[in-house]
Amino acid sequence: MRTSRRLRRTVAGLALACAGALAVPAVATAEPTVPLVPESNPLLDAIALLEGTGSGDGTGSAEGTDPTDPTDTALDAARAVLGAAPTVDVAEPNGNPLALADAANGLLQGFGLTPFFYPTAALNCSALPGVPFGVVPAVAGAAPGPYTPKVPGVGALPTLPGVDTTIADPGETLYAFVPAPGGIVNDAANKSGMQVAWFNVNTLKGGFADMGGLADVISSEIIDGLPAPIQGPARDLVQRNLAAFPSAGVRLAPVATGSGTVLAAVFGQVTHDGKTCAFFPTVGLTQVP
């Protein structure tokens, strides 16, 4: 267990260096050491370039940036991704939270999304009895567009004639946040709170996007644009399939990231059963064709 916990901490530290080198996460050894920072890190290089071209003060702080300036928005997003590595360790001695994180990863992969570099967690939040410190593990992931919804254990959503079920178009990235099954109950009607900070290291563009509830996002992307007579049957079809797995706390966000290598951090809070659960950031990388 000691080695496993070291590995998870090391992956958190390695993630940005690996992402900066535009590679997949390195495989840690049984006794990992602190990695050397690459001489050239595209994310750091992009931040330095944006600091010299935006309206900010160029000192590396977010003070003085203009939220209406796309360059400054990209700079803020790049800084958010760079500083997103968490220090929380989701594994407790009895291993239960880690098993819950594995279950969340299973749901995420059932959506057809690639998990981020490491899981995240909220403390003093779990609805499950006996979980140490009330930990709710969670995972985030992404898939490049075009992407059509997939339901864990069910597969692709059934289609209706003439209905486009794509919720992330080419040049977009779909982001998802999935808490451990059962850890979140009575998900609040207001699904706001989770965010994505993204930065495209090829185009030097970036920004922030709010995540929404699973059914809300699918409805807004697919159903709301349909002719009125078929909205009802389409919504019923989606809801029947979404009822096949635990979706409390699940959040989605299709984002127009553009093509390229896109780094992202997912963070924020979920409200359930009268509790506000603040989740530490987690970081991932997506190649968008």
Protein backbone atom coordinates (compact mmCIF):
# COMPACT_ATOMS: atom_id res chain seq x y z
CA MET A 1 0.00 0.00 0.00
CA ARG A 2 2.90 2.37 0.76
CA THR A 3 4.31 1.96 -2.77
CA SER A 4 0.87 2.39 -4.35
CA ARG A 5 0.27 5.64 -2.51
CA ARG A 6 3.71 6.92 -3.52
CA LEU A 7 2.91 6.12 -7.11
CA ARG A 8 -0.31 8.13 -7.03
CA ARG A 9 1.44 11.13 -5.47
CA THR A 10 4.21 10.87 -8.07
CA VAL A 11 1.74 10.69 -10.96
CA ALA A 12 0.19 13.91 -9.67
CA GLY A 13 3.61 15.57 -9.72
CA LEU A 14 4.59 14.12 -13.07
CA ALA A 15 1.39 15.00 -14.89
CA LEU A 16 2.24 18.53 -15.92
CA ALA A 17 5.82 17.67 -16.85
CA CYS A 18 4.55 14.80 -19.00
CA ALA A 19 1.88 16.99 -20.53
CA GLY A 20 4.43 19.69 -21.19
CA ALA A 21 6.54 17.19 -23.07
CA LEU A 22 3.39 16.22 -25.04
CA ALA A 23 3.66 12.62 -23.93
CA VAL A 24 1.50 10.16 -22.03
CA PRO A 25 2.11 9.91 -18.26
CA ALA A 26 5.43 8.27 -17.42
CA VAL A 27 5.44 4.89 -15.70
CA ALA A 28 6.69 5.38 -12.18
CA THR A 29 9.10 2.94 -10.56
CA ALA A 30 8.62 1.30 -7.20
CA GLU A 31 10.80 3.97 -5.59
CA PRO A 32 10.10 7.07 -7.68
CA THR A 33 12.28 10.14 -7.55
CA VAL A 34 11.42 13.75 -8.22
CA PRO A 35 11.52 14.20 -12.02
CA LEU A 36 13.63 16.78 -13.75
CA VAL A 37 11.63 19.61 -15.29
CA PRO A 38 12.03 19.55 -19.10
CA GLU A 39 14.25 22.33 -20.44
CA SER A 40 11.46 23.29 -22.83
CA ASN A 41 7.92 23.03 -21.51
CA PRO A 42 5.33 24.11 -24.11
CA LEU A 43 2.85 25.18 -21.45
CA LEU A 44 5.40 27.36 -19.65
CA ASP A 45 6.61 28.71 -22.98
CA ALA A 46 3.04 29.58 -23.96
CA ILE A 47 2.43 31.36 -20.65
CA ALA A 48 5.59 33.41 -21.10
CA LEU A 49 4.52 34.36 -24.62
CA LEU A 50 0.99 35.29 -23.57
CA GLU A 51 2.31 37.36 -20.68
CA GLY A 52 4.15 39.47 -23.20
CA THR A 53 1.20 39.96 -25.56
CA GLY A 54 -1.86 40.35 -23.30
CA SER A 55 -3.00 43.32 -21.27
CA GLY A 56 -1.69 41.86 -18.01
CA ASP A 57 1.29 43.22 -16.12
CA GLY A 58 3.65 40.49 -17.34
CA THR A 59 4.72 39.59 -13.81
CA GLY A 60 3.14 36.16 -13.79
CA SER A 61 0.22 37.15 -11.59
CA ALA A 62 -3.40 37.23 -12.72
CA GLU A 63 -3.78 40.81 -11.47
CA GLY A 64 -4.26 43.36 -14.22
CA THR A 65 -5.68 40.93 -16.77
CA ASP A 66 -8.74 41.88 -18.79
CA PRO A 67 -11.49 39.20 -18.66
CA THR A 68 -12.84 40.46 -22.01
CA ASP A 69 -9.47 40.00 -23.75
CA PRO A 70 -9.21 36.49 -25.33
CA THR A 71 -5.45 36.52 -24.81
CA ASP A 72 -5.82 37.26 -21.11
CA THR A 73 -8.55 34.61 -20.78
CA ALA A 74 -6.20 32.06 -22.36
CA LEU A 75 -3.43 33.18 -20.02
CA ASP A 76 -5.65 32.75 -16.95
CA ALA A 77 -6.72 29.30 -18.17
CA ALA A 78 -3.11 28.23 -18.81
CA ARG A 79 -2.12 29.35 -15.31
CA ALA A 80 -5.09 27.47 -13.85
CA VAL A 81 -4.04 24.25 -15.59
CA LEU A 82 -0.41 24.71 -14.57
CA GLY A 83 -1.32 25.14 -10.91
CA ALA A 84 -3.91 22.38 -10.74
CA ALA A 85 -1.87 19.46 -9.38
CA PRO A 86 -3.54 18.46 -6.08
CA THR A 87 -1.90 17.23 -2.90
CA VAL A 88 -4.78 15.05 -1.73
CA ASP A 89 -4.28 11.28 -1.59
CA VAL A 90 -7.60 9.52 -2.16
CA ALA A 91 -6.38 6.16 -0.82
CA GLU A 92 -7.09 5.46 2.84
CA PRO A 93 -5.51 2.53 4.72
CA ASN A 94 -8.45 0.18 4.20
CA GLY A 95 -8.51 0.87 0.47
CA ASN A 96 -12.25 1.65 0.25
CA PRO A 97 -12.00 5.12 -1.35
CA LEU A 98 -9.54 3.78 -3.92
CA ALA A 99 -11.98 1.02 -4.83
CA LEU A 100 -14.69 3.67 -5.19
CA ALA A 101 -12.40 5.66 -7.50
CA ASP A 102 -11.93 2.53 -9.60
CA ALA A 103 -15.71 2.20 -9.85
CA ALA A 104 -15.96 5.84 -10.97
CA ASN A 105 -13.29 5.19 -13.59
CA GLY A 106 -15.33 2.26 -14.85
CA LEU A 107 -18.31 4.57 -15.39
CA LEU A 108 -16.11 7.15 -17.09
CA GLN A 109 -14.66 4.60 -19.48
CA GLY A 110 -18.17 3.29 -20.08
CA PHE A 111 -18.91 6.74 -21.48
CA GLY A 112 -16.05 6.15 -23.93
CA LEU A 113 -13.87 8.87 -22.38
CA THR A 114 -10.17 8.76 -21.54
CA PRO A 115 -9.47 9.34 -17.82
CA PHE A 116 -7.33 12.25 -16.65
CA PHE A 117 -3.88 11.63 -15.15
CA TYR A 118 -5.12 11.02 -11.59
CA PRO A 119 -8.35 10.95 -9.58
CA THR A 120 -9.63 13.65 -7.27
CA ALA A 121 -11.72 13.72 -4.10
CA ALA A 122 -13.91 15.76 -1.78
CA LEU A 123 -13.65 15.40 2.00
CA ASN A 124 -16.44 15.13 4.60
CA CYS A 125 -18.99 14.60 1.87
CA SER A 126 -19.79 10.92 1.33
CA ALA A 127 -23.33 9.57 1.57
CA LEU A 128 -21.90 6.05 1.99
CA PRO A 129 -21.57 4.71 5.57
CA GLY A 130 -18.16 3.81 6.93
CA VAL A 131 -16.08 5.72 4.38
CA PRO A 132 -13.03 7.18 6.17
CA PHE A 133 -13.15 10.98 6.52
CA GLY A 134 -16.29 11.06 4.36
CA VAL A 135 -14.14 10.94 1.20
CA VAL A 136 -15.93 10.99 -2.15
CA PRO A 137 -13.42 10.02 -4.86
CA ALA A 138 -14.12 11.22 -8.37
CA VAL A 139 -12.53 11.10 -11.79
CA ALA A 140 -12.57 13.30 -14.86
CA GLY A 141 -11.96 12.50 -18.49
CA ALA A 142 -12.33 13.73 -22.03
CA ALA A 143 -12.97 12.67 -25.61
CA PRO A 144 -12.34 14.63 -28.81
CA GLY A 145 -15.24 15.29 -31.12
CA PRO A 146 -17.14 14.07 -32.93
CA TYR A 147 -18.62 12.31 -29.92
CA THR A 148 -22.03 10.72 -29.46
CA PRO A 149 -23.34 9.75 -26.02
CA LYS A 150 -22.56 6.32 -24.66
CA VAL A 151 -24.13 4.88 -21.52
CA PRO A 152 -22.09 2.54 -19.27
CA GLY A 153 -23.51 -0.96 -19.52
CA VAL A 154 -25.80 0.05 -22.39
CA GLY A 155 -23.53 1.39 -25.11
CA ALA A 156 -24.42 4.06 -27.64
CA LEU A 157 -27.79 5.72 -27.18
CA PRO A 158 -30.41 4.47 -29.63
CA THR A 159 -31.00 6.89 -32.47
CA LEU A 160 -34.16 8.30 -33.95
CA PRO A 161 -34.54 8.92 -37.69
CA GLY A 162 -33.23 12.35 -38.61
CA VAL A 163 -31.86 13.03 -35.11
CA ASP A 164 -28.20 14.04 -34.79
CA THR A 165 -26.98 12.62 -31.47
CA THR A 166 -23.55 14.27 -31.59
CA ILE A 167 -22.90 16.36 -28.47
CA ALA A 168 -19.29 17.30 -29.31
CA ASP A 169 -18.56 18.29 -32.90
CA PRO A 170 -15.20 18.06 -34.72
CA GLY A 171 -12.80 20.56 -33.18
CA GLU A 172 -14.55 20.27 -29.81
CA THR A 173 -13.71 18.28 -26.70
CA LEU A 174 -16.24 16.67 -24.38
CA TYR A 175 -15.24 16.79 -20.71
CA ALA A 176 -16.85 14.69 -17.99
CA PHE A 177 -16.69 14.58 -14.20
CA VAL A 178 -17.84 11.36 -12.46
CA PRO A 179 -18.01 10.92 -8.66
CA ALA A 180 -17.87 7.48 -7.11
CA PRO A 181 -21.23 5.67 -7.47
CA GLY A 182 -23.35 6.16 -4.36
CA GLY A 183 -21.11 8.84 -2.88
CA ILE A 184 -23.44 11.59 -4.14
CA VAL A 185 -27.20 11.36 -3.51
CA ASN A 186 -30.12 13.71 -4.06
CA ASP A 187 -28.11 15.75 -6.52
CA ALA A 188 -29.23 19.39 -6.31
CA ALA A 189 -31.48 20.76 -9.04
CA ASN A 190 -28.86 23.45 -9.68
CA LYS A 191 -26.06 21.57 -11.43
CA SER A 192 -23.61 24.49 -11.54
CA GLY A 193 -20.33 24.45 -9.63
CA MET A 194 -17.93 22.30 -11.66
CA GLN A 195 -15.64 23.98 -14.19
CA VAL A 196 -13.12 23.16 -16.89
CA ALA A 197 -10.04 25.29 -17.49
CA TRP A 198 -8.56 24.41 -20.89
CA PHE A 199 -5.57 25.52 -22.92
CA ASN A 200 -4.59 24.54 -26.48
CA VAL A 201 -0.79 24.60 -26.65
CA ASN A 202 -0.85 24.67 -30.46
CA THR A 203 -3.17 27.64 -30.94
CA LEU A 204 -2.37 29.42 -27.63
CA LYS A 205 -6.12 29.74 -27.03
CA GLY A 206 -7.87 28.77 -23.83
CA GLY A 207 -10.67 29.55 -21.46
CA PHE A 208 -13.10 28.35 -18.84
CA ALA A 209 -16.35 26.43 -19.27
CA ASP A 210 -19.11 25.59 -16.80
CA MET A 211 -20.13 21.95 -16.59
CA GLY A 212 -23.77 20.90 -16.47
CA GLY A 213 -25.79 17.88 -15.41
CA LEU A 214 -25.72 14.83 -17.62
CA ALA A 215 -29.36 14.94 -18.73
CA ASP A 216 -29.30 18.74 -19.02
CA VAL A 217 -26.32 18.77 -21.37
CA ILE A 218 -27.63 15.95 -23.53
CA SER A 219 -31.02 17.65 -23.74
CA SER A 220 -29.57 21.02 -24.67
CA GLU A 221 -27.20 19.57 -27.26
CA ILE A 222 -29.56 17.06 -28.88
CA ILE A 223 -33.19 17.43 -27.90
CA ASP A 224 -33.79 21.18 -27.64
CA GLY A 225 -32.96 21.72 -31.30
CA LEU A 226 -35.36 19.07 -32.58
CA PRO A 227 -38.77 19.80 -34.06
CA ALA A 228 -41.36 20.06 -31.27
CA PRO A 229 -43.32 16.90 -32.23
CA ILE A 230 -40.35 14.60 -31.66
CA GLN A 231 -38.83 16.29 -28.61
CA GLY A 232 -41.03 14.30 -26.23
CA PRO A 233 -40.18 10.83 -27.64
CA ALA A 234 -36.50 11.74 -27.88
CA ARG A 235 -36.40 12.96 -24.26
CA ASP A 236 -38.16 9.80 -23.05
CA LEU A 237 -35.66 7.66 -24.97
CA VAL A 238 -32.69 9.45 -23.40
CA GLN A 239 -34.12 9.36 -19.88
CA ARG A 240 -34.87 5.64 -20.05
CA ASN A 241 -31.26 4.92 -21.00
CA LEU A 242 -29.77 7.30 -18.45
CA ALA A 243 -31.74 5.57 -15.72
CA ALA A 244 -29.64 2.45 -16.27
CA PHE A 245 -26.72 3.66 -14.13
CA PRO A 246 -26.03 6.01 -11.16
CA SER A 247 -25.69 9.52 -12.58
CA ALA A 248 -25.85 11.67 -9.43
CA GLY A 249 -23.07 14.23 -9.53
CA VAL A 250 -22.05 13.43 -13.10
CA ARG A 251 -21.23 16.59 -15.06
CA LEU A 252 -20.51 17.19 -18.75
CA ALA A 253 -19.24 20.08 -20.87
CA PRO A 254 -18.67 20.14 -24.64
CA VAL A 255 -16.03 22.81 -25.29
CA ALA A 256 -14.86 24.41 -28.55
CA THR A 257 -11.15 23.84 -27.87
CA GLY A 258 -10.11 23.67 -31.53
CA SER A 259 -7.75 21.06 -32.94
CA GLY A 260 -4.42 20.44 -31.26
CA THR A 261 -2.97 19.29 -27.96
CA VAL A 262 -5.32 20.47 -25.25
CA LEU A 263 -4.51 20.49 -21.54
CA ALA A 264 -7.37 20.84 -19.09
CA ALA A 265 -8.12 20.98 -15.38
CA VAL A 266 -11.49 20.05 -13.90
CA PHE A 267 -12.39 21.40 -10.47
CA GLY A 268 -15.24 22.89 -8.45
CA GLN A 269 -18.10 21.73 -6.28
CA VAL A 270 -21.20 19.56 -6.28
CA THR A 271 -24.15 20.13 -3.97
CA HIS A 272 -26.11 17.13 -2.73
CA ASP A 273 -28.27 16.25 0.22
CA GLY A 274 -27.65 19.66 1.75
CA LYS A 275 -23.87 19.32 1.47
CA THR A 276 -21.43 21.26 -0.70
CA CYS A 277 -18.59 19.03 -1.85
CA ALA A 278 -15.46 20.82 -3.05
CA PHE A 279 -13.33 18.68 -5.38
CA PHE A 280 -9.62 19.22 -5.84
CA PRO A 281 -8.42 19.87 -9.41
CA THR A 282 -7.39 17.04 -11.71
CA VAL A 283 -5.49 17.45 -14.98
CA GLY A 284 -5.67 15.70 -18.34
CA LEU A 285 -4.46 15.94 -21.93
CA THR A 286 -6.45 15.36 -25.11
CA GLN A 287 -5.28 15.24 -28.72
CA VAL A 288 -8.05 16.82 -30.79
CA PRO A 289 -7.79 16.07 -34.55
